[in-house]
Amino acid sequence: MKRIISTDKAPGAIGPYSQAVEINGTLYISGQVPVDPATGKIVEGGITEQTEQVMKNISAILEEAGYSFSDVVKSTCLLSDMLNFKAMNEVYGSYYKENPPARAAFAVKELPLSVMVEIETIAVK
């Protein structure tokens, strides 16, 4: 059975999608951008601060659904500029110290709200 996951501890959807959907023990988290759910605004700072906020948003959704970072099996990282890859990777890696998930990282022409990073996540129980 499909279950829609929603929490006010992560930014609300800005379009016709859910924060996350769980089905058959798999959690699909929509791409998260660096919006602080408390203010509804993009966090100030550079790629480090933006990646940290994205990971906090992912954490909140994982927790709401009853998952953790250890359940994550795949991430897709979208960057506005590959020059930001190293700094993004340092923050991202701090959340996956052991047995990190499979991952792809791409530079894209533009991201929603003109942010520097967006990360989507898949977790399995």
PDB file of N, CA and C in Angstrom:
ATOM      1  N   MET A   1       0.830  -1.183   0.000  1.00  0.00           N
ATOM      2  CA  MET A   1       0.000   0.000   0.000  1.00  0.00           C
ATOM      3  C   MET A   1       0.879   1.253   0.000  1.00  0.00           C
ATOM      4  N   LYS A   2       0.522   2.205  -0.796  1.00  0.00           N
ATOM      5  CA  LYS A   2       1.259   3.458  -0.907  1.00  0.00           C
ATOM      6  C   LYS A   2       0.924   4.364   0.268  1.00  0.00           C
ATOM      7  N   ARG A   3       1.985   4.925   0.882  1.00  0.00           N
ATOM      8  CA  ARG A   3       1.806   5.842   2.014  1.00  0.00           C
ATOM      9  C   ARG A   3       2.528   7.150   1.694  1.00  0.00           C
ATOM     10  N   ILE A   4       1.825   8.260   1.805  1.00  0.00           N
ATOM     11  CA  ILE A   4       2.405   9.579   1.576  1.00  0.00           C
ATOM     12  C   ILE A   4       3.014  10.069   2.892  1.00  0.00           C
ATOM     13  N   ILE A   5       4.257  10.530   2.816  1.00  0.00           N
ATOM     14  CA  ILE A   5       4.969  11.025   3.999  1.00  0.00           C
ATOM     15  C   ILE A   5       5.033  12.542   3.913  1.00  0.00           C
ATOM     16  N   SER A   6       4.712  13.191   5.023  1.00  0.00           N
ATOM     17  CA  SER A   6       4.768  14.648   5.085  1.00  0.00           C
ATOM     18  C   SER A   6       5.131  15.074   6.499  1.00  0.00           C
ATOM     19  N   THR A   7       6.006  16.049   6.596  1.00  0.00           N
ATOM     20  CA  THR A   7       6.389  16.596   7.900  1.00  0.00           C
ATOM     21  C   THR A   7       6.603  18.096   7.765  1.00  0.00           C
ATOM     22  N   ASP A   8       6.271  18.830   8.816  1.00  0.00           N
ATOM     23  CA  ASP A   8       6.529  20.266   8.796  1.00  0.00           C
ATOM     24  C   ASP A   8       7.976  20.576   9.187  1.00  0.00           C
ATOM     25  N   LYS A   9       8.775  19.533   9.450  1.00  0.00           N
ATOM     26  CA  LYS A   9      10.194  19.704   9.775  1.00  0.00           C
ATOM     27  C   LYS A   9      11.063  19.724   8.523  1.00  0.00           C
ATOM     28  N   ALA A  10      10.417  19.641   7.368  1.00  0.00           N
ATOM     29  CA  ALA A  10      11.080  19.779   6.068  1.00  0.00           C
ATOM     30  C   ALA A  10      10.195  20.691   5.230  1.00  0.00           C
ATOM     31  N   PRO A  11      10.768  21.330   4.213  1.00  0.00           N
ATOM     32  CA  PRO A  11       9.962  22.240   3.396  1.00  0.00           C
ATOM     33  C   PRO A  11       8.808  21.529   2.709  1.00  0.00           C
ATOM     34  N   GLY A  12       7.680  22.187   2.647  1.00  0.00           N
ATOM     35  CA  GLY A  12       6.532  21.633   1.946  1.00  0.00           C
ATOM     36  C   GLY A  12       6.777  21.611   0.448  1.00  0.00           C
ATOM     37  N   ALA A  13       6.055  20.764  -0.233  1.00  0.00           N
ATOM     38  CA  ALA A  13       6.175  20.660  -1.681  1.00  0.00           C
ATOM     39  C   ALA A  13       5.767  21.989  -2.325  1.00  0.00           C
ATOM     40  N   ILE A  14       6.515  22.381  -3.359  1.00  0.00           N
ATOM     41  CA  ILE A  14       6.196  23.624  -4.067  1.00  0.00           C
ATOM     42  C   ILE A  14       5.571  23.319  -5.428  1.00  0.00           C
ATOM     43  N   GLY A  15       5.033  22.139  -5.539  1.00  0.00           N
ATOM     44  CA  GLY A  15       4.400  21.724  -6.788  1.00  0.00           C
ATOM     45  C   GLY A  15       3.558  20.485  -6.543  1.00  0.00           C
ATOM     46  N   PRO A  16       3.129  19.830  -7.608  1.00  0.00           N
ATOM     47  CA  PRO A  16       2.275  18.645  -7.476  1.00  0.00           C
ATOM     48  C   PRO A  16       3.084  17.372  -7.206  1.00  0.00           C
ATOM     49  N   TYR A  17       3.698  17.316  -6.028  1.00  0.00           N
ATOM     50  CA  TYR A  17       4.457  16.138  -5.608  1.00  0.00           C
ATOM     51  C   TYR A  17       4.423  16.034  -4.090  1.00  0.00           C
ATOM     52  N   SER A  18       4.803  14.876  -3.577  1.00  0.00           N
ATOM     53  CA  SER A  18       4.860  14.637  -2.131  1.00  0.00           C
ATOM     54  C   SER A  18       6.302  14.753  -1.653  1.00  0.00           C
ATOM     55  N   GLN A  19       6.483  15.093  -0.376  1.00  0.00           N
ATOM     56  CA  GLN A  19       7.836  15.084   0.177  1.00  0.00           C
ATOM     57  C   GLN A  19       8.452  13.708   0.001  1.00  0.00           C
ATOM     58  N   ALA A  20       7.656  12.675   0.278  1.00  0.00           N
ATOM     59  CA  ALA A  20       8.124  11.305   0.116  1.00  0.00           C
ATOM     60  C   ALA A  20       6.930  10.374  -0.035  1.00  0.00           C
ATOM     61  N   VAL A  21       7.215   9.227  -0.639  1.00  0.00           N
ATOM     62  CA  VAL A  21       6.218   8.179  -0.803  1.00  0.00           C
ATOM     63  C   VAL A  21       6.871   6.866  -0.401  1.00  0.00           C
ATOM     64  N   GLU A  22       6.159   6.090   0.421  1.00  0.00           N
ATOM     65  CA  GLU A  22       6.639   4.762   0.816  1.00  0.00           C
ATOM     66  C   GLU A  22       5.723   3.719   0.187  1.00  0.00           C
ATOM     67  N   ILE A  23       6.332   2.696  -0.379  1.00  0.00           N
ATOM     68  CA  ILE A  23       5.571   1.577  -0.917  1.00  0.00           C
ATOM     69  C   ILE A  23       6.447   0.326  -0.836  1.00  0.00           C
ATOM     70  N   ASN A  24       5.844  -0.754  -0.329  1.00  0.00           N
ATOM     71  CA  ASN A  24       6.537  -2.044  -0.225  1.00  0.00           C
ATOM     72  C   ASN A  24       7.905  -1.952   0.452  1.00  0.00           C
ATOM     73  N   GLY A  25       7.992  -1.205   1.539  1.00  0.00           N
ATOM     74  CA  GLY A  25       9.232  -1.113   2.307  1.00  0.00           C
ATOM     75  C   GLY A  25      10.305  -0.253   1.678  1.00  0.00           C
ATOM     76  N   THR A  26       9.933   0.526   0.667  1.00  0.00           N
ATOM     77  CA  THR A  26      10.882   1.439   0.028  1.00  0.00           C
ATOM     78  C   THR A  26      10.356   2.856   0.141  1.00  0.00           C
ATOM     79  N   LEU A  27      11.233   3.765   0.550  1.00  0.00           N
ATOM     80  CA  LEU A  27      10.890   5.172   0.723  1.00  0.00           C
ATOM     81  C   LEU A  27      11.576   5.983  -0.372  1.00  0.00           C
ATOM     82  N   TYR A  28      10.780   6.715  -1.123  1.00  0.00           N
ATOM     83  CA  TYR A  28      11.286   7.580  -2.186  1.00  0.00           C
ATOM     84  C   TYR A  28      11.121   9.027  -1.733  1.00  0.00           C
ATOM     85  N   ILE A  29      12.231   9.705  -1.486  1.00  0.00           N
ATOM     86  CA  ILE A  29      12.186  11.095  -1.029  1.00  0.00           C
ATOM     87  C   ILE A  29      12.437  12.003  -2.224  1.00  0.00           C
ATOM     88  N   SER A  30      11.510  12.927  -2.455  1.00  0.00           N
ATOM     89  CA  SER A  30      11.662  13.901  -3.535  1.00  0.00           C
ATOM     90  C   SER A  30      12.914  14.732  -3.310  1.00  0.00           C
ATOM     91  N   GLY A  31      13.428  15.282  -4.392  1.00  0.00           N
ATOM     92  CA  GLY A  31      14.614  16.131  -4.292  1.00  0.00           C
ATOM     93  C   GLY A  31      14.410  17.231  -3.272  1.00  0.00           C
ATOM     94  N   GLN A  32      15.352  17.329  -2.354  1.00  0.00           N
ATOM     95  CA  GLN A  32      15.289  18.344  -1.307  1.00  0.00           C
ATOM     96  C   GLN A  32      16.243  19.485  -1.638  1.00  0.00           C
ATOM     97  N   VAL A  33      15.746  20.688  -1.462  1.00  0.00           N
ATOM     98  CA  VAL A  33      16.545  21.891  -1.676  1.00  0.00           C
ATOM     99  C   VAL A  33      16.799  22.551  -0.326  1.00  0.00           C
ATOM    100  N   PRO A  34      17.738  23.492  -0.271  1.00  0.00           N
ATOM    101  CA  PRO A  34      18.136  24.077   1.015  1.00  0.00           C
ATOM    102  C   PRO A  34      17.203  25.156   1.548  1.00  0.00           C
ATOM    103  N   VAL A  35      15.939  24.799   1.694  1.00  0.00           N
ATOM    104  CA  VAL A  35      14.967  25.709   2.285  1.00  0.00           C
ATOM    105  C   VAL A  35      14.808  25.341   3.755  1.00  0.00           C
ATOM    106  N   ASP A  36      14.943  26.330   4.609  1.00  0.00           N
ATOM    107  CA  ASP A  36      14.734  26.141   6.040  1.00  0.00           C
ATOM    108  C   ASP A  36      13.226  26.085   6.278  1.00  0.00           C
ATOM    109  N   PRO A  37      12.710  24.961   6.775  1.00  0.00           N
ATOM    110  CA  PRO A  37      11.256  24.859   6.949  1.00  0.00           C
ATOM    111  C   PRO A  37      10.698  25.847   7.968  1.00  0.00           C
ATOM    112  N   ALA A  38      11.528  26.327   8.879  1.00  0.00           N
ATOM    113  CA  ALA A  38      11.054  27.277   9.890  1.00  0.00           C
ATOM    114  C   ALA A  38      10.779  28.653   9.282  1.00  0.00           C
ATOM    115  N   THR A  39      11.551  29.020   8.261  1.00  0.00           N
ATOM    116  CA  THR A  39      11.412  30.351   7.666  1.00  0.00           C
ATOM    117  C   THR A  39      10.811  30.316   6.266  1.00  0.00           C
ATOM    118  N   GLY A  40      10.903  29.153   5.615  1.00  0.00           N
ATOM    119  CA  GLY A  40      10.444  29.044   4.236  1.00  0.00           C
ATOM    120  C   GLY A  40      11.392  29.695   3.245  1.00  0.00           C
ATOM    121  N   LYS A  41      12.593  30.020   3.708  1.00  0.00           N
ATOM    122  CA  LYS A  41      13.571  30.705   2.853  1.00  0.00           C
ATOM    123  C   LYS A  41      14.808  29.831   2.642  1.00  0.00           C
ATOM    124  N   ILE A  42      15.508  30.100   1.553  1.00  0.00           N
ATOM    125  CA  ILE A  42      16.771  29.420   1.276  1.00  0.00           C
ATOM    126  C   ILE A  42      17.778  29.867   2.330  1.00  0.00           C
ATOM    127  N   VAL A  43      18.536  28.916   2.879  1.00  0.00           N
ATOM    128  CA  VAL A  43      19.519  29.263   3.906  1.00  0.00           C
ATOM    129  C   VAL A  43      20.595  30.166   3.315  1.00  0.00           C
ATOM    130  N   GLU A  44      21.108  31.041   4.140  1.00  0.00           N
ATOM    131  CA  GLU A  44      22.186  31.927   3.710  1.00  0.00           C
ATOM    132  C   GLU A  44      23.499  31.164   3.717  1.00  0.00           C
ATOM    133  N   GLY A  45      24.427  31.616   2.903  1.00  0.00           N
ATOM    134  CA  GLY A  45      25.737  31.001   2.833  1.00  0.00           C
ATOM    135  C   GLY A  45      25.958  30.338   1.490  1.00  0.00           C
ATOM    136  N   GLY A  46      26.977  29.511   1.445  1.00  0.00           N
ATOM    137  CA  GLY A  46      27.366  28.859   0.205  1.00  0.00           C
ATOM    138  C   GLY A  46      26.958  27.401   0.157  1.00  0.00           C
ATOM    139  N   ILE A  47      27.702  26.634  -0.616  1.00  0.00           N
ATOM    140  CA  ILE A  47      27.375  25.230  -0.843  1.00  0.00           C
ATOM    141  C   ILE A  47      27.411  24.411   0.438  1.00  0.00           C
ATOM    142  N   THR A  48      28.306  24.716   1.346  1.00  0.00           N
ATOM    143  CA  THR A  48      28.384  23.971   2.607  1.00  0.00           C
ATOM    144  C   THR A  48      27.097  24.137   3.409  1.00  0.00           C
ATOM    145  N   GLU A  49      26.658  25.356   3.582  1.00  0.00           N
ATOM    146  CA  GLU A  49      25.441  25.624   4.347  1.00  0.00           C
ATOM    147  C   GLU A  49      24.208  25.064   3.628  1.00  0.00           C
ATOM    148  N   GLN A  50      24.198  25.193   2.305  1.00  0.00           N
ATOM    149  CA  GLN A  50      23.053  24.674   1.557  1.00  0.00           C
ATOM    150  C   GLN A  50      22.983  23.153   1.640  1.00  0.00           C
ATOM    151  N   THR A  51      24.120  22.475   1.513  1.00  0.00           N
ATOM    152  CA  THR A  51      24.115  21.016   1.605  1.00  0.00           C
ATOM    153  C   THR A  51      23.706  20.559   2.996  1.00  0.00           C
ATOM    154  N   GLU A  52      24.181  21.246   4.010  1.00  0.00           N
ATOM    155  CA  GLU A  52      23.808  20.900   5.391  1.00  0.00           C
ATOM    156  C   GLU A  52      22.291  20.993   5.570  1.00  0.00           C
ATOM    157  N   GLN A  53      21.669  22.037   5.037  1.00  0.00           N
ATOM    158  CA  GLN A  53      20.219  22.171   5.172  1.00  0.00           C
ATOM    159  C   GLN A  53      19.484  21.077   4.399  1.00  0.00           C
ATOM    160  N   VAL A  54      19.975  20.751   3.207  1.00  0.00           N
ATOM    161  CA  VAL A  54      19.368  19.668   2.431  1.00  0.00           C
ATOM    162  C   VAL A  54      19.402  18.373   3.231  1.00  0.00           C
ATOM    163  N   MET A  55      20.537  18.068   3.848  1.00  0.00           N
ATOM    164  CA  MET A  55      20.670  16.835   4.613  1.00  0.00           C
ATOM    165  C   MET A  55      19.779  16.857   5.857  1.00  0.00           C
ATOM    166  N   LYS A  56      19.606  18.008   6.474  1.00  0.00           N
ATOM    167  CA  LYS A  56      18.677  18.126   7.607  1.00  0.00           C
ATOM    168  C   LYS A  56      17.245  17.863   7.147  1.00  0.00           C
ATOM    169  N   ASN A  57      16.900  18.366   5.976  1.00  0.00           N
ATOM    170  CA  ASN A  57      15.555  18.136   5.444  1.00  0.00           C
ATOM    171  C   ASN A  57      15.338  16.654   5.159  1.00  0.00           C
ATOM    172  N   ILE A  58      16.328  16.009   4.568  1.00  0.00           N
ATOM    173  CA  ILE A  58      16.242  14.568   4.309  1.00  0.00           C
ATOM    174  C   ILE A  58      16.112  13.815   5.626  1.00  0.00           C
ATOM    175  N   SER A  59      16.884  14.191   6.616  1.00  0.00           N
ATOM    176  CA  SER A  59      16.831  13.553   7.924  1.00  0.00           C
ATOM    177  C   SER A  59      15.431  13.637   8.531  1.00  0.00           C
ATOM    178  N   ALA A  60      14.811  14.812   8.435  1.00  0.00           N
ATOM    179  CA  ALA A  60      13.473  15.000   8.999  1.00  0.00           C
ATOM    180  C   ALA A  60      12.451  14.091   8.313  1.00  0.00           C
ATOM    181  N   ILE A  61      12.573  13.943   7.017  1.00  0.00           N
ATOM    182  CA  ILE A  61      11.641  13.092   6.278  1.00  0.00           C
ATOM    183  C   ILE A  61      11.894  11.624   6.602  1.00  0.00           C
ATOM    184  N   LEU A  62      13.155  11.225   6.633  1.00  0.00           N
ATOM    185  CA  LEU A  62      13.485   9.848   7.019  1.00  0.00           C
ATOM    186  C   LEU A  62      12.889   9.527   8.386  1.00  0.00           C
ATOM    187  N   GLU A  63      13.099  10.421   9.343  1.00  0.00           N
ATOM    188  CA  GLU A  63      12.602  10.205  10.705  1.00  0.00           C
ATOM    189  C   GLU A  63      11.078  10.108  10.726  1.00  0.00           C
ATOM    190  N   GLU A  64      10.408  10.999  10.026  1.00  0.00           N
ATOM    191  CA  GLU A  64       8.940  10.978   9.987  1.00  0.00           C
ATOM    192  C   GLU A  64       8.420   9.647   9.461  1.00  0.00           C
ATOM    193  N   ALA A  65       9.154   9.071   8.514  1.00  0.00           N
ATOM    194  CA  ALA A  65       8.730   7.807   7.898  1.00  0.00           C
ATOM    195  C   ALA A  65       9.201   6.581   8.674  1.00  0.00           C
ATOM    196  N   GLY A  66      10.020   6.785   9.722  1.00  0.00           N
ATOM    197  CA  GLY A  66      10.529   5.661  10.504  1.00  0.00           C
ATOM    198  C   GLY A  66      11.783   5.033   9.924  1.00  0.00           C
ATOM    199  N   TYR A  67      12.524   5.800   9.157  1.00  0.00           N
ATOM    200  CA  TYR A  67      13.783   5.348   8.550  1.00  0.00           C
ATOM    201  C   TYR A  67      14.939   6.154   9.129  1.00  0.00           C
ATOM    202  N   SER A  68      16.158   5.765   8.756  1.00  0.00           N
ATOM    203  CA  SER A  68      17.349   6.513   9.153  1.00  0.00           C
ATOM    204  C   SER A  68      18.322   6.530   7.971  1.00  0.00           C
ATOM    205  N   PHE A  69      19.405   7.257   8.124  1.00  0.00           N
ATOM    206  CA  PHE A  69      20.407   7.315   7.057  1.00  0.00           C
ATOM    207  C   PHE A  69      21.000   5.934   6.769  1.00  0.00           C
ATOM    208  N   SER A  70      20.997   5.050   7.751  1.00  0.00           N
ATOM    209  CA  SER A  70      21.532   3.704   7.506  1.00  0.00           C
ATOM    210  C   SER A  70      20.635   2.898   6.566  1.00  0.00           C
ATOM    211  N   ASP A  71      19.403   3.331   6.362  1.00  0.00           N
ATOM    212  CA  ASP A  71      18.480   2.660   5.445  1.00  0.00           C
ATOM    213  C   ASP A  71      18.589   3.178   4.008  1.00  0.00           C
ATOM    214  N   VAL A  72      19.322   4.255   3.804  1.00  0.00           N
ATOM    215  CA  VAL A  72      19.432   4.864   2.475  1.00  0.00           C
ATOM    216  C   VAL A  72      20.285   3.975   1.567  1.00  0.00           C
ATOM    217  N   VAL A  73      19.743   3.686   0.376  1.00  0.00           N
ATOM    218  CA  VAL A  73      20.453   2.822  -0.576  1.00  0.00           C
ATOM    219  C   VAL A  73      20.895   3.575  -1.826  1.00  0.00           C
ATOM    220  N   LYS A  74      20.293   4.743  -2.105  1.00  0.00           N
ATOM    221  CA  LYS A  74      20.638   5.480  -3.324  1.00  0.00           C
ATOM    222  C   LYS A  74      20.344   6.953  -3.146  1.00  0.00           C
ATOM    223  N   SER A  75      21.272   7.782  -3.602  1.00  0.00           N
ATOM    224  CA  SER A  75      21.069   9.232  -3.624  1.00  0.00           C
ATOM    225  C   SER A  75      21.422   9.748  -5.010  1.00  0.00           C
ATOM    226  N   THR A  76      20.750  10.801  -5.401  1.00  0.00           N
ATOM    227  CA  THR A  76      21.115  11.522  -6.608  1.00  0.00           C
ATOM    228  C   THR A  76      21.323  12.975  -6.208  1.00  0.00           C
ATOM    229  N   CYS A  77      22.523  13.471  -6.463  1.00  0.00           N
ATOM    230  CA  CYS A  77      22.893  14.831  -6.100  1.00  0.00           C
ATOM    231  C   CYS A  77      22.950  15.681  -7.362  1.00  0.00           C
ATOM    232  N   LEU A  78      22.213  16.760  -7.348  1.00  0.00           N
ATOM    233  CA  LEU A  78      22.200  17.695  -8.471  1.00  0.00           C
ATOM    234  C   LEU A  78      22.867  18.987  -8.019  1.00  0.00           C
ATOM    235  N   LEU A  79      23.836  19.426  -8.775  1.00  0.00           N
ATOM    236  CA  LEU A  79      24.606  20.618  -8.432  1.00  0.00           C
ATOM    237  C   LEU A  79      24.478  21.654  -9.538  1.00  0.00           C
ATOM    238  N   SER A  80      24.451  22.909  -9.155  1.00  0.00           N
ATOM    239  CA  SER A  80      24.416  23.974 -10.151  1.00  0.00           C
ATOM    240  C   SER A  80      25.790  24.172 -10.784  1.00  0.00           C
ATOM    241  N   ASP A  81      26.833  23.669 -10.117  1.00  0.00           N
ATOM    242  CA  ASP A  81      28.205  23.826 -10.614  1.00  0.00           C
ATOM    243  C   ASP A  81      29.065  22.709 -10.028  1.00  0.00           C
ATOM    244  N   MET A  82      29.739  21.930 -10.867  1.00  0.00           N
ATOM    245  CA  MET A  82      30.574  20.831 -10.368  1.00  0.00           C
ATOM    246  C   MET A  82      31.765  21.327  -9.550  1.00  0.00           C
ATOM    247  N   LEU A  83      32.070  22.604  -9.621  1.00  0.00           N
ATOM    248  CA  LEU A  83      33.125  23.149  -8.759  1.00  0.00           C
ATOM    249  C   LEU A  83      32.722  23.053  -7.288  1.00  0.00           C
ATOM    250  N   ASN A  84      31.441  22.869  -7.018  1.00  0.00           N
ATOM    251  CA  ASN A  84      30.943  22.730  -5.642  1.00  0.00           C
ATOM    252  C   ASN A  84      30.932  21.282  -5.166  1.00  0.00           C
ATOM    253  N   PHE A  85      31.343  20.351  -6.022  1.00  0.00           N
ATOM    254  CA  PHE A  85      31.252  18.931  -5.683  1.00  0.00           C
ATOM    255  C   PHE A  85      32.039  18.589  -4.415  1.00  0.00           C
ATOM    256  N   LYS A  86      33.263  19.034  -4.305  1.00  0.00           N
ATOM    257  CA  LYS A  86      34.107  18.667  -3.160  1.00  0.00           C
ATOM    258  C   LYS A  86      33.476  19.120  -1.840  1.00  0.00           C
ATOM    259  N   ALA A  87      33.044  20.358  -1.774  1.00  0.00           N
ATOM    260  CA  ALA A  87      32.440  20.872  -0.528  1.00  0.00           C
ATOM    261  C   ALA A  87      31.124  20.159  -0.228  1.00  0.00           C
ATOM    262  N   MET A  88      30.311  19.923  -1.256  1.00  0.00           N
ATOM    263  CA  MET A  88      29.066  19.182  -1.054  1.00  0.00           C
ATOM    264  C   MET A  88      29.375  17.784  -0.539  1.00  0.00           C
ATOM    265  N   ASN A  89      30.360  17.146  -1.135  1.00  0.00           N
ATOM    266  CA  ASN A  89      30.728  15.777  -0.789  1.00  0.00           C
ATOM    267  C   ASN A  89      31.188  15.663   0.666  1.00  0.00           C
ATOM    268  N   GLU A  90      31.872  16.669   1.165  1.00  0.00           N
ATOM    269  CA  GLU A  90      32.333  16.651   2.564  1.00  0.00           C
ATOM    270  C   GLU A  90      31.146  16.646   3.522  1.00  0.00           C
ATOM    271  N   VAL A  91      30.173  17.497   3.274  1.00  0.00           N
ATOM    272  CA  VAL A  91      28.989  17.534   4.134  1.00  0.00           C
ATOM    273  C   VAL A  91      28.193  16.242   3.972  1.00  0.00           C
ATOM    274  N   TYR A  92      27.926  15.853   2.746  1.00  0.00           N
ATOM    275  CA  TYR A  92      27.174  14.631   2.450  1.00  0.00           C
ATOM    276  C   TYR A  92      27.818  13.434   3.134  1.00  0.00           C
ATOM    277  N   GLY A  93      29.127  13.309   3.010  1.00  0.00           N
ATOM    278  CA  GLY A  93      29.856  12.176   3.589  1.00  0.00           C
ATOM    279  C   GLY A  93      29.765  12.109   5.103  1.00  0.00           C
ATOM    280  N   SER A  94      29.572  13.243   5.753  1.00  0.00           N
ATOM    281  CA  SER A  94      29.477  13.240   7.217  1.00  0.00           C
ATOM    282  C   SER A  94      28.200  12.545   7.696  1.00  0.00           C
ATOM    283  N   TYR A  95      27.237  12.370   6.817  1.00  0.00           N
ATOM    284  CA  TYR A  95      25.993  11.677   7.157  1.00  0.00           C
ATOM    285  C   TYR A  95      26.060  10.176   6.842  1.00  0.00           C
ATOM    286  N   TYR A  96      27.091   9.775   6.109  1.00  0.00           N
ATOM    287  CA  TYR A  96      27.236   8.375   5.704  1.00  0.00           C
ATOM    288  C   TYR A  96      28.657   7.906   5.998  1.00  0.00           C
ATOM    289  N   LYS A  97      28.996   7.821   7.275  1.00  0.00           N
ATOM    290  CA  LYS A  97      30.359   7.446   7.663  1.00  0.00           C
ATOM    291  C   LYS A  97      30.663   5.976   7.378  1.00  0.00           C
ATOM    292  N   GLU A  98      29.643   5.109   7.443  1.00  0.00           N
ATOM    293  CA  GLU A  98      29.832   3.677   7.174  1.00  0.00           C
ATOM    294  C   GLU A  98      28.811   3.216   6.146  1.00  0.00           C
ATOM    295  N   ASN A  99      29.228   2.340   5.270  1.00  0.00           N
ATOM    296  CA  ASN A  99      28.342   1.744   4.265  1.00  0.00           C
ATOM    297  C   ASN A  99      27.503   2.789   3.525  1.00  0.00           C
ATOM    298  N   PRO A 100      28.150   3.739   2.856  1.00  0.00           N
ATOM    299  CA  PRO A 100      27.393   4.775   2.156  1.00  0.00           C
ATOM    300  C   PRO A 100      26.551   4.183   1.025  1.00  0.00           C
ATOM    301  N   PRO A 101      25.488   4.890   0.659  1.00  0.00           N
ATOM    302  CA  PRO A 101      24.619   4.396  -0.410  1.00  0.00           C
ATOM    303  C   PRO A 101      25.264   4.562  -1.784  1.00  0.00           C
ATOM    304  N   ALA A 102      24.666   3.914  -2.767  1.00  0.00           N
ATOM    305  CA  ALA A 102      25.043   4.193  -4.151  1.00  0.00           C
ATOM    306  C   ALA A 102      24.660   5.642  -4.425  1.00  0.00           C
ATOM    307  N   ARG A 103      25.360   6.259  -5.393  1.00  0.00           N
ATOM    308  CA  ARG A 103      25.083   7.683  -5.621  1.00  0.00           C
ATOM    309  C   ARG A 103      25.468   8.086  -7.034  1.00  0.00           C
ATOM    310  N   ALA A 104      24.753   9.054  -7.539  1.00  0.00           N
ATOM    311  CA  ALA A 104      25.125   9.735  -8.776  1.00  0.00           C
ATOM    312  C   ALA A 104      25.142  11.222  -8.471  1.00  0.00           C
ATOM    313  N   ALA A 105      26.004  11.949  -9.145  1.00  0.00           N
ATOM    314  CA  ALA A 105      26.065  13.400  -8.984  1.00  0.00           C
ATOM    315  C   ALA A 105      26.177  14.025 -10.370  1.00  0.00           C
ATOM    316  N   PHE A 106      25.375  15.041 -10.587  1.00  0.00           N
ATOM    317  CA  PHE A 106      25.328  15.708 -11.891  1.00  0.00           C
ATOM    318  C   PHE A 106      25.353  17.212 -11.712  1.00  0.00           C
ATOM    319  N   ALA A 107      25.950  17.887 -12.668  1.00  0.00           N
ATOM    320  CA  ALA A 107      25.778  19.331 -12.775  1.00  0.00           C
ATOM    321  C   ALA A 107      24.606  19.546 -13.723  1.00  0.00           C
ATOM    322  N   VAL A 108      23.736  20.442 -13.364  1.00  0.00           N
ATOM    323  CA  VAL A 108      22.576  20.751 -14.194  1.00  0.00           C
ATOM    324  C   VAL A 108      22.583  22.245 -14.506  1.00  0.00           C
ATOM    325  N   LYS A 109      21.864  22.611 -15.504  1.00  0.00           N
ATOM    326  CA  LYS A 109      21.862  24.010 -15.924  1.00  0.00           C
ATOM    327  C   LYS A 109      21.310  24.933 -14.849  1.00  0.00           C
ATOM    328  N   GLU A 110      20.214  24.500 -14.228  1.00  0.00           N
ATOM    329  CA  GLU A 110      19.577  25.343 -13.213  1.00  0.00           C
ATOM    330  C   GLU A 110      18.739  24.470 -12.297  1.00  0.00           C
ATOM    331  N   LEU A 111      18.655  24.863 -11.025  1.00  0.00           N
ATOM    332  CA  LEU A 111      17.845  24.146 -10.043  1.00  0.00           C
ATOM    333  C   LEU A 111      16.703  25.035  -9.569  1.00  0.00           C
ATOM    334  N   PRO A 112      15.643  24.434  -9.009  1.00  0.00           N
ATOM    335  CA  PRO A 112      14.529  25.242  -8.509  1.00  0.00           C
ATOM    336  C   PRO A 112      15.004  26.294  -7.506  1.00  0.00           C
ATOM    337  N   LEU A 113      14.401  27.456  -7.571  1.00  0.00           N
ATOM    338  CA  LEU A 113      14.697  28.568  -6.661  1.00  0.00           C
ATOM    339  C   LEU A 113      16.142  29.057  -6.793  1.00  0.00           C
ATOM    340  N   SER A 114      16.833  28.660  -7.854  1.00  0.00           N
ATOM    341  CA  SER A 114      18.236  29.038  -8.114  1.00  0.00           C
ATOM    342  C   SER A 114      19.183  28.595  -7.007  1.00  0.00           C
ATOM    343  N   VAL A 115      18.879  27.452  -6.372  1.00  0.00           N
ATOM    344  CA  VAL A 115      19.755  26.931  -5.318  1.00  0.00           C
ATOM    345  C   VAL A 115      20.989  26.276  -5.936  1.00  0.00           C
ATOM    346  N   MET A 116      21.935  25.923  -5.085  1.00  0.00           N
ATOM    347  CA  MET A 116      23.190  25.331  -5.541  1.00  0.00           C
ATOM    348  C   MET A 116      23.171  23.802  -5.527  1.00  0.00           C
ATOM    349  N   VAL A 117      22.246  23.214  -4.756  1.00  0.00           N
ATOM    350  CA  VAL A 117      22.229  21.750  -4.609  1.00  0.00           C
ATOM    351  C   VAL A 117      20.804  21.254  -4.358  1.00  0.00           C
ATOM    352  N   GLU A 118      20.520  20.084  -4.893  1.00  0.00           N
ATOM    353  CA  GLU A 118      19.274  19.360  -4.627  1.00  0.00           C
ATOM    354  C   GLU A 118      19.643  17.890  -4.545  1.00  0.00           C
ATOM    355  N   ILE A 119      19.097  17.181  -3.560  1.00  0.00           N
ATOM    356  CA  ILE A 119      19.413  15.754  -3.393  1.00  0.00           C
ATOM    357  C   ILE A 119      18.117  14.976  -3.220  1.00  0.00           C
ATOM    358  N   GLU A 120      17.972  13.910  -4.037  1.00  0.00           N
ATOM    359  CA  GLU A 120      16.859  12.988  -3.859  1.00  0.00           C
ATOM    360  C   GLU A 120      17.412  11.706  -3.265  1.00  0.00           C
ATOM    361  N   THR A 121      16.551  10.971  -2.566  1.00  0.00           N
ATOM    362  CA  THR A 121      17.024   9.853  -1.756  1.00  0.00           C
ATOM    363  C   THR A 121      16.041   8.679  -1.813  1.00  0.00           C
ATOM    364  N   ILE A 122      16.592   7.471  -1.820  1.00  0.00           N
ATOM    365  CA  ILE A 122      15.783   6.253  -1.732  1.00  0.00           C
ATOM    366  C   ILE A 122      16.292   5.445  -0.546  1.00  0.00           C
ATOM    367  N   ALA A 123      15.377   5.012   0.310  1.00  0.00           N
ATOM    368  CA  ALA A 123      15.726   4.199   1.473  1.00  0.00           C
ATOM    369  C   ALA A 123      14.868   2.929   1.470  1.00  0.00           C
ATOM    370  N   VAL A 124      15.429   1.848   2.014  1.00  0.00           N
ATOM    371  CA  VAL A 124      14.731   0.564   2.038  1.00  0.00           C
ATOM    372  C   VAL A 124      14.830  -0.034   3.441  1.00  0.00           C
ATOM    373  N   LYS A 125      13.711  -0.591   3.901  1.00  0.00           N
ATOM    374  CA  LYS A 125      13.683  -1.305   5.196  1.00  0.00           C
ATOM    375  C   LYS A 125      13.850  -2.781   4.955  1.00  0.00           C
TER     376      LYS A 125
END
